[in-house]
């Protein structure tokens, strides 16, 4: 299983970014997936999750600003991030759960300047 994130970068507060996670060796369809983030000195936290049935859930801090989606044809999971805030600065990781085991991408840095 290989997960590769892309789309991170530097953006001003109020801006938008779209993260994408491509998978090889596994399909996202019918599996629980999610985006997590980890800021310096803080634990990794769930930002947005997508159940195997397609139900999305979000951390309170990103509700109304972030949207998680899955493209079955492209076998990707994306995170659209709007109205970004400096506190969204972190390394963002893609995650998939397969038979109870967690698999992670290498992460992509998102930096939001004030």
N, C-alpha and C. Protein backbone atom coordinates (compact mmCIF):
# COMPACT_ATOMS: atom_id res chain seq x y z
N UNK A 1 0.84 -1.19 0.00
CA UNK A 1 0.00 0.00 0.00
C UNK A 1 0.88 1.24 0.00
N UNK A 2 0.63 2.12 -0.93
CA UNK A 2 1.38 3.37 -1.01
C UNK A 2 0.40 4.52 -1.18
N UNK A 3 0.51 5.49 -0.28
CA UNK A 3 -0.31 6.70 -0.34
C UNK A 3 0.60 7.88 -0.58
N UNK A 4 0.24 8.72 -1.53
CA UNK A 4 1.07 9.88 -1.86
C UNK A 4 0.19 11.12 -1.87
N UNK A 5 0.52 12.05 -0.96
CA UNK A 5 -0.21 13.31 -0.89
C UNK A 5 0.44 14.36 -1.77
N UNK A 6 -0.37 15.29 -2.23
CA UNK A 6 0.13 16.43 -3.00
C UNK A 6 -0.81 17.61 -2.78
N UNK A 7 -0.34 18.79 -3.17
CA UNK A 7 -1.19 19.97 -3.12
C UNK A 7 -0.91 20.92 -2.00
N UNK A 8 0.00 20.58 -1.11
CA UNK A 8 0.31 21.50 -0.03
C UNK A 8 1.09 22.71 -0.54
N UNK A 9 1.29 23.67 0.35
CA UNK A 9 2.04 24.86 -0.03
C UNK A 9 1.83 25.99 0.94
N UNK A 10 2.24 27.15 0.51
CA UNK A 10 2.12 28.38 1.30
C UNK A 10 0.98 29.22 0.76
N UNK A 11 0.10 29.65 1.64
CA UNK A 11 -1.05 30.44 1.22
C UNK A 11 -1.34 31.49 2.29
N UNK A 12 -1.90 32.60 1.88
CA UNK A 12 -2.28 33.63 2.84
C UNK A 12 -3.59 33.27 3.52
N UNK A 13 -3.77 33.80 4.70
CA UNK A 13 -5.02 33.58 5.42
C UNK A 13 -6.20 33.99 4.55
N UNK A 14 -7.23 33.17 4.58
CA UNK A 14 -8.40 33.41 3.75
C UNK A 14 -8.34 32.71 2.41
N UNK A 15 -7.19 32.18 2.07
CA UNK A 15 -7.02 31.50 0.80
C UNK A 15 -7.49 30.06 0.84
N UNK A 16 -7.25 29.37 -0.28
CA UNK A 16 -7.69 27.98 -0.42
C UNK A 16 -6.56 27.10 -0.95
N UNK A 17 -6.65 25.85 -0.59
CA UNK A 17 -5.77 24.81 -1.14
C UNK A 17 -6.58 23.55 -1.30
N UNK A 18 -6.15 22.73 -2.25
CA UNK A 18 -6.78 21.43 -2.44
C UNK A 18 -5.71 20.36 -2.34
N UNK A 19 -5.84 19.50 -1.36
CA UNK A 19 -4.92 18.38 -1.18
C UNK A 19 -5.49 17.15 -1.88
N UNK A 20 -4.59 16.35 -2.42
CA UNK A 20 -5.01 15.11 -3.06
C UNK A 20 -4.15 13.97 -2.57
N UNK A 21 -4.77 12.80 -2.45
CA UNK A 21 -4.06 11.59 -2.02
C UNK A 21 -4.31 10.50 -3.05
N UNK A 22 -3.25 10.04 -3.65
CA UNK A 22 -3.34 8.96 -4.63
C UNK A 22 -2.85 7.67 -4.00
N UNK A 23 -3.53 6.58 -4.33
CA UNK A 23 -3.19 5.30 -3.73
C UNK A 23 -2.77 4.29 -4.78
N UNK A 24 -1.85 3.45 -4.41
CA UNK A 24 -1.50 2.29 -5.22
C UNK A 24 -1.48 1.07 -4.31
N UNK A 25 -1.90 -0.02 -4.85
CA UNK A 25 -1.96 -1.24 -4.06
C UNK A 25 -3.24 -1.41 -3.26
N UNK A 26 -4.12 -0.43 -3.36
CA UNK A 26 -5.39 -0.47 -2.64
C UNK A 26 -6.35 0.50 -3.30
N UNK A 27 -7.63 0.22 -3.18
CA UNK A 27 -8.63 1.17 -3.67
C UNK A 27 -9.32 1.83 -2.48
N UNK A 28 -9.61 3.13 -2.64
CA UNK A 28 -10.28 3.87 -1.58
C UNK A 28 -11.75 3.49 -1.45
N UNK A 29 -12.31 3.05 -2.54
CA UNK A 29 -13.74 2.78 -2.54
C UNK A 29 -14.08 1.71 -1.50
N UNK A 30 -15.11 1.95 -0.76
CA UNK A 30 -15.61 1.04 0.26
C UNK A 30 -14.67 0.88 1.45
N UNK A 31 -13.72 1.81 1.62
CA UNK A 31 -12.83 1.77 2.76
C UNK A 31 -12.89 3.09 3.51
N UNK A 32 -12.68 3.04 4.81
CA UNK A 32 -12.62 4.25 5.61
C UNK A 32 -11.30 4.97 5.35
N UNK A 33 -11.40 6.24 5.04
CA UNK A 33 -10.21 7.04 4.77
C UNK A 33 -10.33 8.37 5.50
N UNK A 34 -9.22 9.08 5.57
CA UNK A 34 -9.28 10.37 6.25
C UNK A 34 -8.05 11.21 6.03
N UNK A 35 -8.18 12.45 6.41
CA UNK A 35 -7.07 13.39 6.44
C UNK A 35 -6.80 13.77 7.88
N UNK A 36 -5.54 13.71 8.26
CA UNK A 36 -5.08 14.12 9.58
C UNK A 36 -4.06 15.23 9.39
N UNK A 37 -3.79 15.91 10.48
CA UNK A 37 -2.73 16.92 10.45
C UNK A 37 -1.98 16.92 11.77
N UNK A 38 -0.74 17.38 11.67
CA UNK A 38 0.09 17.47 12.86
C UNK A 38 0.90 18.75 12.80
N UNK A 39 0.65 19.61 13.76
CA UNK A 39 1.41 20.85 13.89
C UNK A 39 2.59 20.61 14.83
N UNK A 40 3.63 21.42 14.74
CA UNK A 40 4.80 21.24 15.61
C UNK A 40 4.42 21.23 17.08
N UNK A 41 4.90 20.21 17.78
CA UNK A 41 4.65 20.13 19.22
C UNK A 41 3.25 19.67 19.60
N UNK A 42 2.47 19.29 18.62
CA UNK A 42 1.10 18.85 18.89
C UNK A 42 0.88 17.44 18.38
N UNK A 43 -0.09 16.73 18.95
CA UNK A 43 -0.37 15.38 18.45
C UNK A 43 -1.09 15.43 17.10
N UNK A 44 -1.02 14.33 16.40
CA UNK A 44 -1.73 14.22 15.13
C UNK A 44 -3.22 14.18 15.41
N UNK A 45 -3.99 14.91 14.62
CA UNK A 45 -5.43 14.98 14.84
C UNK A 45 -6.19 14.73 13.56
N UNK A 46 -7.39 14.16 13.71
CA UNK A 46 -8.25 13.95 12.57
C UNK A 46 -8.85 15.27 12.11
N UNK A 47 -8.74 15.54 10.83
CA UNK A 47 -9.32 16.74 10.24
C UNK A 47 -10.66 16.40 9.59
N UNK A 48 -10.65 15.36 8.77
CA UNK A 48 -11.86 14.96 8.06
C UNK A 48 -11.78 13.47 7.76
N UNK A 49 -12.89 12.78 7.94
CA UNK A 49 -12.95 11.35 7.67
C UNK A 49 -14.08 11.04 6.71
N UNK A 50 -13.90 9.95 6.00
CA UNK A 50 -14.92 9.49 5.06
C UNK A 50 -15.11 8.00 5.31
N UNK A 51 -16.32 7.63 5.74
CA UNK A 51 -16.57 6.23 6.06
C UNK A 51 -16.61 5.39 4.78
N UNK A 52 -16.59 4.08 4.96
CA UNK A 52 -16.66 3.20 3.79
C UNK A 52 -17.95 3.42 3.01
N UNK A 53 -18.98 3.87 3.71
CA UNK A 53 -20.25 4.13 3.04
C UNK A 53 -20.36 5.51 2.45
N UNK A 54 -19.33 6.33 2.67
CA UNK A 54 -19.32 7.66 2.06
C UNK A 54 -19.78 8.78 2.96
N UNK A 55 -19.98 8.49 4.24
CA UNK A 55 -20.38 9.55 5.18
C UNK A 55 -19.15 10.31 5.66
N UNK A 56 -19.24 11.63 5.59
CA UNK A 56 -18.11 12.47 5.99
C UNK A 56 -18.31 13.00 7.41
N UNK A 57 -17.20 13.16 8.11
CA UNK A 57 -17.22 13.83 9.40
C UNK A 57 -16.01 14.74 9.49
N UNK A 58 -16.16 15.79 10.26
CA UNK A 58 -15.13 16.83 10.33
C UNK A 58 -14.84 17.24 11.75
N UNK A 59 -13.60 17.66 11.96
CA UNK A 59 -13.26 18.28 13.24
C UNK A 59 -14.03 19.59 13.34
N UNK A 60 -14.42 19.95 14.54
CA UNK A 60 -15.19 21.18 14.73
C UNK A 60 -14.45 22.40 14.17
N UNK A 61 -13.13 22.37 14.27
CA UNK A 61 -12.34 23.53 13.86
C UNK A 61 -12.36 23.77 12.35
N UNK A 62 -12.78 22.77 11.57
CA UNK A 62 -12.76 22.93 10.11
C UNK A 62 -14.14 22.83 9.48
N UNK A 63 -15.15 22.56 10.28
CA UNK A 63 -16.50 22.42 9.73
C UNK A 63 -16.91 23.69 8.99
N UNK A 64 -17.47 23.49 7.81
CA UNK A 64 -17.90 24.61 7.00
C UNK A 64 -16.81 25.20 6.14
N UNK A 65 -15.57 24.78 6.37
CA UNK A 65 -14.44 25.31 5.57
C UNK A 65 -13.77 24.23 4.73
N UNK A 66 -13.73 23.01 5.25
CA UNK A 66 -13.05 21.92 4.56
C UNK A 66 -14.08 20.91 4.04
N UNK A 67 -13.76 20.29 2.92
CA UNK A 67 -14.62 19.25 2.35
C UNK A 67 -13.77 18.08 1.88
N UNK A 68 -14.10 16.90 2.36
CA UNK A 68 -13.40 15.69 1.93
C UNK A 68 -14.24 15.01 0.85
N UNK A 69 -13.55 14.46 -0.14
CA UNK A 69 -14.27 13.79 -1.22
C UNK A 69 -13.42 12.65 -1.77
N UNK A 70 -14.08 11.77 -2.46
CA UNK A 70 -13.40 10.59 -3.02
C UNK A 70 -13.76 10.49 -4.49
N UNK A 71 -12.78 10.22 -5.31
CA UNK A 71 -12.99 10.00 -6.74
C UNK A 71 -12.67 8.53 -7.02
N UNK A 72 -13.69 7.74 -7.20
CA UNK A 72 -13.48 6.30 -7.39
C UNK A 72 -12.79 5.99 -8.71
N UNK A 73 -13.08 6.76 -9.72
CA UNK A 73 -12.47 6.52 -11.03
C UNK A 73 -10.96 6.78 -11.00
N UNK A 74 -10.58 7.85 -10.29
CA UNK A 74 -9.16 8.20 -10.21
C UNK A 74 -8.47 7.54 -9.03
N UNK A 75 -9.26 6.93 -8.14
CA UNK A 75 -8.73 6.32 -6.91
C UNK A 75 -7.94 7.34 -6.09
N UNK A 76 -8.59 8.46 -5.84
CA UNK A 76 -7.99 9.51 -5.03
C UNK A 76 -8.98 9.99 -3.98
N UNK A 77 -8.42 10.54 -2.93
CA UNK A 77 -9.22 11.21 -1.91
C UNK A 77 -8.67 12.63 -1.78
N UNK A 78 -9.56 13.60 -1.78
CA UNK A 78 -9.13 14.99 -1.77
C UNK A 78 -9.67 15.73 -0.54
N UNK A 79 -9.01 16.82 -0.23
CA UNK A 79 -9.45 17.69 0.85
C UNK A 79 -9.42 19.11 0.31
N UNK A 80 -10.58 19.68 0.11
CA UNK A 80 -10.69 21.08 -0.30
C UNK A 80 -10.71 21.93 0.94
N UNK A 81 -9.77 22.86 1.04
CA UNK A 81 -9.64 23.69 2.22
C UNK A 81 -9.85 25.14 1.82
N UNK A 82 -10.89 25.74 2.35
CA UNK A 82 -11.21 27.14 2.07
C UNK A 82 -11.09 27.97 3.35
N UNK A 83 -11.03 29.25 3.18
CA UNK A 83 -10.96 30.18 4.32
C UNK A 83 -9.89 29.76 5.31
N UNK A 84 -8.72 29.48 4.80
CA UNK A 84 -7.65 28.96 5.64
C UNK A 84 -7.21 29.99 6.68
N UNK A 85 -6.81 29.46 7.82
CA UNK A 85 -6.37 30.28 8.94
C UNK A 85 -4.94 29.88 9.31
N UNK A 86 -4.21 30.78 9.94
CA UNK A 86 -2.84 30.43 10.36
C UNK A 86 -2.80 29.17 11.23
N UNK A 87 -3.83 28.95 12.02
CA UNK A 87 -3.85 27.76 12.88
C UNK A 87 -4.07 26.47 12.10
N UNK A 88 -4.33 26.55 10.81
CA UNK A 88 -4.41 25.36 9.97
C UNK A 88 -3.03 24.89 9.52
N UNK A 89 -2.02 25.66 9.83
CA UNK A 89 -0.65 25.29 9.45
C UNK A 89 -0.25 23.97 10.10
N UNK A 90 0.17 23.02 9.29
CA UNK A 90 0.53 21.70 9.78
C UNK A 90 1.00 20.85 8.61
N UNK A 91 1.49 19.67 8.94
CA UNK A 91 1.71 18.65 7.92
C UNK A 91 0.43 17.82 7.86
N UNK A 92 -0.08 17.66 6.66
CA UNK A 92 -1.34 16.94 6.46
C UNK A 92 -1.04 15.55 5.90
N UNK A 93 -1.70 14.55 6.49
CA UNK A 93 -1.47 13.16 6.13
C UNK A 93 -2.75 12.50 5.66
N UNK A 94 -2.61 11.69 4.65
CA UNK A 94 -3.70 10.86 4.17
C UNK A 94 -3.66 9.53 4.92
N UNK A 95 -4.81 8.98 5.20
CA UNK A 95 -4.90 7.74 5.97
C UNK A 95 -5.95 6.82 5.37
N UNK A 96 -5.67 5.53 5.43
CA UNK A 96 -6.66 4.53 5.03
C UNK A 96 -6.57 3.37 6.03
N UNK A 97 -7.71 2.81 6.34
CA UNK A 97 -7.76 1.68 7.27
C UNK A 97 -8.10 0.41 6.49
N UNK A 98 -7.23 -0.57 6.63
CA UNK A 98 -7.43 -1.85 5.94
C UNK A 98 -7.35 -2.96 6.97
N UNK A 99 -8.45 -3.66 7.15
CA UNK A 99 -8.55 -4.75 8.14
C UNK A 99 -7.94 -4.34 9.48
N UNK A 100 -8.32 -3.16 9.92
CA UNK A 100 -7.91 -2.69 11.23
C UNK A 100 -6.53 -2.07 11.29
N UNK A 101 -5.80 -2.08 10.21
CA UNK A 101 -4.46 -1.49 10.18
C UNK A 101 -4.50 -0.12 9.50
N UNK A 102 -3.76 0.81 10.08
CA UNK A 102 -3.67 2.16 9.53
C UNK A 102 -2.48 2.29 8.60
N UNK A 103 -2.72 2.91 7.45
CA UNK A 103 -1.65 3.20 6.50
C UNK A 103 -1.63 4.71 6.28
N UNK A 104 -0.41 5.25 6.17
CA UNK A 104 -0.22 6.70 6.09
C UNK A 104 0.62 7.08 4.88
N UNK A 105 0.33 8.27 4.35
CA UNK A 105 1.21 8.84 3.36
C UNK A 105 2.38 9.53 4.04
N UNK A 106 3.24 10.16 3.25
CA UNK A 106 4.43 10.81 3.79
C UNK A 106 4.12 12.21 4.32
N UNK A 107 2.96 12.73 3.97
CA UNK A 107 2.56 14.05 4.45
C UNK A 107 2.90 15.16 3.47
N UNK A 108 2.11 16.22 3.55
CA UNK A 108 2.35 17.41 2.74
C UNK A 108 2.19 18.64 3.62
N UNK A 109 3.12 19.57 3.51
CA UNK A 109 3.12 20.73 4.39
C UNK A 109 2.15 21.78 3.89
N UNK A 110 1.34 22.28 4.80
CA UNK A 110 0.45 23.41 4.54
C UNK A 110 0.84 24.53 5.50
N UNK A 111 1.16 25.68 4.94
CA UNK A 111 1.54 26.83 5.75
C UNK A 111 0.63 28.00 5.39
N UNK A 112 -0.03 28.54 6.39
CA UNK A 112 -0.95 29.67 6.18
C UNK A 112 -0.37 30.89 6.88
N UNK A 113 -0.07 31.90 6.10
CA UNK A 113 0.51 33.12 6.66
C UNK A 113 -0.60 34.12 7.02
N UNK A 114 -0.33 34.88 8.06
CA UNK A 114 -1.33 35.86 8.51
C UNK A 114 -1.18 37.19 7.81
